[in-house]
Protein backbone atom coordinates (compact mmCIF):
# COMPACT_ATOMS: atom_id res chain seq x y z
CA MET A 1 -13.62 -9.40 9.35
CA THR A 2 -12.81 -11.70 12.26
CA ASN A 3 -10.67 -14.75 12.54
CA THR A 4 -11.81 -18.11 13.86
CA LYS A 5 -9.75 -21.10 14.95
CA ARG A 6 -8.75 -23.02 11.84
CA GLU A 7 -6.11 -25.39 10.55
CA ILE A 8 -3.23 -23.75 8.70
CA GLY A 9 -0.94 -26.75 8.34
CA ASN A 10 2.60 -25.93 7.21
CA LEU A 11 2.12 -22.18 6.74
CA LYS A 12 4.99 -20.02 8.00
CA LEU A 13 5.24 -16.23 8.14
CA PHE A 14 8.50 -14.29 8.03
CA THR A 15 9.33 -10.59 8.07
CA GLY A 16 12.30 -8.31 7.64
CA ASN A 17 12.77 -4.89 9.22
CA ALA A 18 10.37 -2.98 6.93
CA ASN A 19 7.13 -3.32 8.93
CA PRO A 20 7.38 -5.91 11.73
CA GLU A 21 4.34 -4.43 13.52
CA LEU A 22 2.07 -5.21 10.55
CA ALA A 23 3.60 -8.68 10.23
CA GLN A 24 2.85 -9.34 13.90
CA GLU A 25 -0.77 -8.23 13.44
CA ILE A 26 -1.14 -10.58 10.48
CA ALA A 27 0.37 -13.44 12.49
CA GLU A 28 -2.09 -12.77 15.33
CA TYR A 29 -4.99 -12.76 12.86
CA LEU A 30 -3.92 -16.15 11.52
CA GLY A 31 -3.16 -17.52 14.97
CA VAL A 32 0.50 -18.32 14.23
CA LYS A 33 3.87 -17.10 15.41
CA LEU A 34 6.26 -15.21 13.17
CA GLY A 35 9.09 -17.40 11.87
CA ALA A 36 12.42 -17.32 13.66
CA ALA A 37 14.48 -15.11 11.37
CA LYS A 38 17.11 -12.56 12.33
CA VAL A 39 17.91 -9.79 9.86
CA LYS A 40 20.86 -7.60 10.79
CA HIS A 41 23.21 -5.18 9.07
CA PHE A 42 26.99 -5.31 9.20
CA SER A 43 28.92 -2.12 9.85
CA ASP A 44 29.70 -1.79 6.13
CA GLY A 45 25.97 -1.91 5.25
CA GLU A 46 25.77 -5.54 4.10
CA ILE A 47 22.75 -7.54 5.26
CA SER A 48 23.06 -10.65 7.43
CA LEU A 49 20.21 -13.17 7.64
CA ILE A 50 19.76 -16.27 9.79
CA ILE A 51 16.63 -18.47 9.73
CA ASP A 52 16.54 -20.42 12.99
CA GLU A 53 13.95 -23.07 12.11
CA SER A 54 13.28 -25.69 9.47
CA VAL A 55 11.20 -24.58 6.49
CA ARG A 56 11.55 -27.74 4.39
CA GLY A 57 8.28 -28.35 2.54
CA CYS A 58 6.60 -25.30 4.10
CA ASP A 59 4.32 -22.71 2.50
CA ALA A 60 6.33 -19.58 3.34
CA TYR A 61 5.18 -15.94 3.24
CA ILE A 62 7.57 -12.99 3.52
CA ILE A 63 5.81 -9.82 4.69
CA GLN A 64 8.05 -6.98 3.54
CA PRO A 65 6.82 -3.68 2.07
CA THR A 66 9.61 -2.10 0.04
CA CYS A 67 9.16 1.33 1.59
CA SER A 68 11.88 3.69 2.84
CA PRO A 69 14.73 2.79 3.08
CA VAL A 70 13.63 1.21 -0.22
CA ASN A 71 16.87 -0.44 -1.28
CA ASP A 72 17.60 -1.96 2.15
CA ASN A 73 14.10 -3.38 2.43
CA LEU A 74 14.20 -4.72 -1.12
CA MET A 75 17.53 -6.45 -0.49
CA GLU A 76 16.20 -7.97 2.74
CA LEU A 77 13.27 -9.39 0.75
CA LEU A 78 15.53 -10.82 -1.95
CA ILE A 79 18.00 -12.34 0.52
CA MET A 80 15.25 -13.91 2.63
CA THR A 81 13.57 -15.30 -0.49
CA ASP A 82 16.85 -16.85 -1.61
CA ALA A 83 17.45 -18.32 1.87
CA LEU A 84 14.00 -19.92 1.97
CA ARG A 85 14.42 -21.33 -1.53
CA ARG A 86 17.80 -22.87 -0.63
CA ALA A 87 16.22 -24.27 2.57
CA SER A 88 13.66 -26.19 0.45
CA ALA A 89 10.47 -24.25 1.18
CA SER A 90 7.80 -25.71 -1.11
CA ARG A 91 6.33 -22.30 -2.05
CA ILE A 92 7.46 -18.76 -1.30
CA THR A 93 4.98 -15.87 -1.51
CA ALA A 94 6.37 -12.34 -1.43
CA VAL A 95 3.83 -10.21 0.46
CA LEU A 96 4.41 -6.57 -0.48
CA PRO A 97 1.77 -4.33 1.12
CA TYR A 98 3.64 -1.50 -0.61
CA TYR A 99 5.56 -2.06 -3.86
CA GLY A 100 8.50 0.32 -4.09
CA TYR A 101 9.54 1.67 -7.52
CA ALA A 102 5.94 1.18 -8.72
CA ARG A 103 5.85 4.68 -10.21
CA GLN A 104 8.71 3.81 -12.56
CA ASP A 105 6.51 1.50 -14.62
CA ARG A 106 7.04 2.86 -18.16
CA LYS A 107 9.40 4.78 -20.40
CA SER A 108 8.41 8.40 -20.86
CA ARG A 109 11.64 9.48 -22.57
CA GLY A 110 14.69 7.95 -24.21
CA ARG A 111 17.26 5.97 -22.19
CA GLU A 112 14.93 5.70 -19.18
CA PRO A 113 14.69 2.42 -17.20
CA ILE A 114 11.50 0.56 -16.32
CA THR A 115 12.55 -0.05 -12.73
CA ALA A 116 9.28 -1.62 -11.61
CA LYS A 117 9.91 -4.39 -14.14
CA LEU A 118 13.51 -4.79 -12.97
CA VAL A 119 12.29 -5.24 -9.38
CA ALA A 120 9.79 -7.85 -10.58
CA ASN A 121 12.61 -9.71 -12.36
CA MET A 122 14.77 -9.69 -9.21
CA ILE A 123 11.95 -10.99 -7.00
CA THR A 124 11.28 -13.76 -9.51
CA GLU A 125 14.95 -14.68 -9.89
CA ALA A 126 15.42 -14.79 -6.10
CA GLY A 127 12.92 -17.64 -5.98
CA ALA A 128 9.46 -16.24 -5.20
CA SER A 129 6.60 -18.37 -6.52
CA ARG A 130 3.80 -15.85 -6.00
CA LEU A 131 3.22 -12.16 -5.24
CA LEU A 132 0.62 -10.71 -2.88
CA ALA A 133 0.41 -6.92 -3.12
CA MET A 134 -1.96 -4.12 -2.17
CA ASP A 135 -3.07 -1.24 -4.39
CA LEU A 136 -0.30 -1.43 -6.98
CA HIS A 137 0.22 2.06 -8.36
CA ALA A 138 -0.20 0.75 -11.92
CA MET A 139 -2.28 -2.34 -12.66
CA GLN A 140 0.06 -3.36 -15.50
CA ILE A 141 2.74 -4.21 -12.92
CA GLN A 142 0.87 -7.49 -12.43
CA GLY A 143 1.95 -8.38 -15.96
CA PHE A 144 5.62 -7.81 -15.07
CA PHE A 145 5.59 -11.12 -13.16
CA ASP A 146 5.54 -14.58 -14.76
CA MET A 147 3.85 -15.97 -11.67
CA PRO A 148 0.44 -15.65 -9.96
CA VAL A 149 -0.18 -12.13 -8.60
CA ASP A 150 -2.95 -11.14 -6.18
CA ASN A 151 -3.52 -7.39 -5.91
CA LEU A 152 -5.64 -6.47 -2.89
CA PHE A 153 -7.48 -3.16 -2.54
CA GLY A 154 -7.46 -0.75 0.38
CA LEU A 155 -10.60 1.15 -0.69
CA PRO A 156 -13.09 -1.16 1.11
CA ILE A 157 -11.28 -0.44 4.40
CA LEU A 158 -11.37 3.31 3.78
CA ALA A 159 -15.01 3.19 2.61
CA GLU A 160 -16.09 1.31 5.73
CA TYR A 161 -14.48 4.00 7.89
CA PHE A 162 -16.24 6.88 6.13
CA LYS A 163 -19.59 5.05 6.14
CA HIS A 164 -19.59 5.18 9.93
CA LYS A 165 -18.68 8.86 10.17
CA ASP A 166 -21.49 11.31 10.90
CA ARG A 167 -21.24 13.34 7.71
CA GLU A 168 -23.85 14.86 5.41
CA ASN A 169 -23.75 16.24 1.88
CA LEU A 170 -20.59 14.33 1.02
CA VAL A 171 -18.78 14.23 -2.33
CA VAL A 172 -15.70 12.17 -3.27
CA VAL A 173 -13.07 14.01 -5.32
CA SER A 174 -10.26 12.61 -7.46
CA PRO A 175 -7.12 14.80 -7.28
CA ASP A 176 -6.35 14.16 -10.96
CA MET A 177 -7.75 12.50 -14.07
CA GLY A 178 -5.65 9.38 -13.52
CA GLY A 179 -7.40 8.61 -10.24
CA VAL A 180 -10.99 8.86 -11.50
CA ALA A 181 -11.64 5.10 -11.47
CA ARG A 182 -10.42 4.87 -7.87
CA ALA A 183 -12.51 7.84 -6.74
CA ARG A 184 -15.60 6.53 -8.56
CA ASN A 185 -15.18 3.19 -6.80
CA LEU A 186 -15.03 4.88 -3.38
CA ALA A 187 -17.99 7.14 -4.22
CA GLU A 188 -20.08 4.11 -5.22
CA GLN A 189 -19.17 2.21 -2.05
CA ILE A 190 -20.13 5.17 0.15
CA GLY A 191 -23.09 6.14 -2.04
CA VAL A 192 -22.17 9.77 -2.79
CA PRO A 193 -21.46 11.88 -5.93
CA LEU A 194 -18.09 12.24 -7.66
CA ALA A 195 -16.06 15.30 -8.65
CA ILE A 196 -12.67 15.63 -10.35
CA ILE A 197 -9.75 18.06 -10.12
CA ASP A 198 -8.34 18.61 -13.60
CA LYS A 199 -4.73 19.71 -13.21
CA ARG A 200 -1.51 20.07 -15.16
CA ARG A 201 1.79 18.78 -13.70
CA PRO A 202 4.69 20.83 -15.21
CA MET A 203 7.40 18.70 -13.51
CA PRO A 204 7.64 15.79 -11.02
CA ASN A 205 6.21 16.50 -7.55
CA VAL A 206 4.82 19.85 -8.74
CA SER A 207 1.14 20.24 -9.59
CA GLU A 208 -1.04 23.10 -10.75
CA VAL A 209 -4.80 23.07 -10.33
CA MET A 210 -6.62 24.01 -13.52
CA ASN A 211 -10.32 23.26 -13.03
CA ILE A 212 -12.78 21.36 -10.86
CA ILE A 213 -15.37 19.20 -12.61
CA GLY A 214 -18.49 18.62 -10.50
CA ASP A 215 -20.43 20.33 -7.74
CA ILE A 216 -18.46 20.80 -4.51
CA GLU A 217 -19.82 24.15 -3.27
CA GLY A 218 -21.05 23.88 0.33
CA LYS A 219 -20.22 20.17 0.47
CA GLU A 220 -18.01 18.03 2.68
CA VAL A 221 -15.28 16.59 0.48
CA ILE A 222 -13.23 13.39 0.61
CA LEU A 223 -10.07 13.55 -1.52
CA VAL A 224 -8.81 10.06 -2.42
CA ASP A 225 -5.51 8.83 -3.87
CA ASP A 226 -3.61 5.54 -3.85
CA MET A 227 -0.53 7.10 -2.23
CA ILE A 228 0.59 10.41 -0.77
CA ASP A 229 4.29 11.16 -1.12
CA THR A 230 5.33 14.81 -0.71
CA ALA A 231 1.63 15.74 -0.24
CA GLY A 232 1.81 18.55 -2.79
CA THR A 233 -1.01 17.19 -4.96
CA ILE A 234 -3.37 16.48 -2.09
CA THR A 235 -2.79 19.73 -0.16
CA HIS A 236 -2.99 21.96 -3.26
CA GLY A 237 -6.16 20.14 -4.23
CA ALA A 238 -7.64 20.63 -0.75
CA GLN A 239 -6.90 24.37 -0.86
CA ALA A 240 -8.43 24.67 -4.33
CA LEU A 241 -11.60 22.94 -3.11
CA ILE A 242 -11.91 25.28 -0.12
CA ASP A 243 -11.28 28.30 -2.36
CA ARG A 244 -14.12 27.14 -4.62
CA GLY A 245 -16.62 26.80 -1.80
CA ALA A 246 -16.22 23.34 -0.24
CA LYS A 247 -17.36 23.28 3.38
CA CYS A 248 -14.49 21.05 4.61
CA VAL A 249 -11.99 18.54 3.23
CA ASP A 250 -10.84 15.11 4.42
CA ALA A 251 -8.29 13.03 2.51
CA CYS A 252 -7.54 9.33 2.31
CA CYS A 253 -5.01 7.01 0.72
CA THR A 254 -3.75 3.44 1.02
CA HIS A 255 -0.02 4.22 1.12
CA ALA A 256 1.27 7.09 3.27
CA VAL A 257 4.80 7.53 1.90
CA LEU A 258 5.00 11.05 3.40
CA SER A 259 8.49 12.03 2.30
CA GLY A 260 10.19 15.43 2.44
CA PRO A 261 7.87 18.28 3.47
CA ALA A 262 4.72 16.10 3.54
CA ILE A 263 3.95 16.35 7.27
CA GLU A 264 4.45 20.11 7.34
CA ARG A 265 2.25 20.55 4.27
CA ILE A 266 -0.54 18.44 5.76
CA GLU A 267 -0.40 20.29 9.07
CA ASN A 268 -0.61 23.67 7.30
CA SER A 269 -3.32 22.60 4.85
CA PRO A 270 -7.12 22.83 5.23
CA ILE A 271 -7.33 19.02 5.40
CA GLN A 272 -9.17 18.14 8.60
CA GLU A 273 -8.27 14.44 8.67
CA LEU A 274 -6.00 12.21 6.59
CA VAL A 275 -7.11 8.57 6.74
CA THR A 276 -4.54 6.01 5.64
CA THR A 277 -3.48 2.41 6.31
CA ASN A 278 -0.47 0.76 7.89
CA THR A 279 1.01 -0.68 4.68
CA ILE A 280 3.91 1.68 5.43
CA PRO A 281 4.93 2.37 9.05
CA LEU A 282 4.73 6.05 9.93
CA GLY A 283 7.62 5.83 12.37
CA ASP A 284 8.42 9.29 13.69
CA LYS A 285 6.17 11.03 11.14
CA LYS A 286 3.68 12.28 13.71
CA CYS A 287 0.66 14.43 12.89
CA ASP A 288 -2.61 14.78 14.82
CA LYS A 289 -4.55 14.90 11.55
CA ILE A 290 -3.52 11.36 10.51
CA LYS A 291 -5.76 8.37 11.24
CA VAL A 292 -4.26 4.93 10.54
CA LEU A 293 -6.40 1.86 9.74
CA SER A 294 -5.00 -1.67 9.75
CA VAL A 295 -4.82 -3.85 6.63
CA ALA A 296 -3.79 -6.90 8.69
CA PRO A 297 -7.21 -8.63 8.55
CA ILE A 298 -7.54 -8.42 4.77
CA ILE A 299 -3.92 -9.47 4.12
CA GLY A 300 -4.21 -12.23 6.71
CA GLU A 301 -7.41 -13.51 5.09
CA ALA A 302 -5.78 -13.41 1.64
CA ILE A 303 -2.80 -15.41 2.95
CA TYR A 304 -5.15 -17.98 4.45
CA ARG A 305 -7.08 -18.31 1.19
CA ILE A 306 -3.91 -18.67 -0.87
CA HIS A 307 -2.66 -21.31 1.55
CA THR A 308 -5.91 -23.28 1.37
CA GLU A 309 -6.26 -22.80 -2.42
CA SER A 310 -9.46 -20.77 -1.97
CA SER A 311 -10.62 -17.76 -3.99
CA VAL A 312 -8.96 -14.45 -3.14
CA SER A 313 -11.19 -12.42 -5.48
CA ASP A 314 -14.20 -13.31 -3.29
CA LEU A 315 -12.76 -10.86 -0.73
CA PHE A 316 -14.06 -8.07 -3.02
């Protein structure tokens, strides 16, 4: 997807400290400069924000994934949204390549919060008029907002990468039953069969492989998930596939959270390559096995289409 010279009128892009590199890539795609905003932290932890240009009547977009440190990045988003609203921006779109707290989207026991809904309420109350997200962990989160929501997908980017790799006898594998639809989508885009790991999770961040549904013996496997956090699910799944006769294993995801022992687990696992995107900056989480693809073109194109009142769904 390439950009051509085009009129963007009163569109303005802003970013906090969550992922300024991605925001800069998106700005370059659109052919604009990032808005003049300074986000700093006082010594006591409070956030200071100054917007050094007029935004009156502008179509403003805040590019701010709510990744680690989640609460700081969320507060930066809320404060910047409030500042733009009070400065008379005509429309404010919160662009969240990664939506923090997305896994807390339902009550599974008594007295448990639905934090994903609370975050949606706060973004709405701060003054956002629209949400642009990528690969929300649960599709029902779109219904948490009483505003237009566009949920982009990272799979086409991952599929395009694997299409151009010199691989034979491929099979796409879902690491659990909940990810079957995602894995089937990737398998269809690449044009290969599907297999499923059926597992039981006795407690959070702990998984136990039970059975593998489908033929993976002697095949090159692509494990796919929407996010990888501590990497326990993906690395245990990769080892189970190798133990059951898979020739080799690659893995891919849209969101590389990679918390706790994730990097060590990936390095010590049979995974040959982990392909992910830059929705979350890796920072100092270095690993030779990780390949990062940019989502800037697809997010930039979505922003342009929202700004010009064009169809976003046509991107897929």
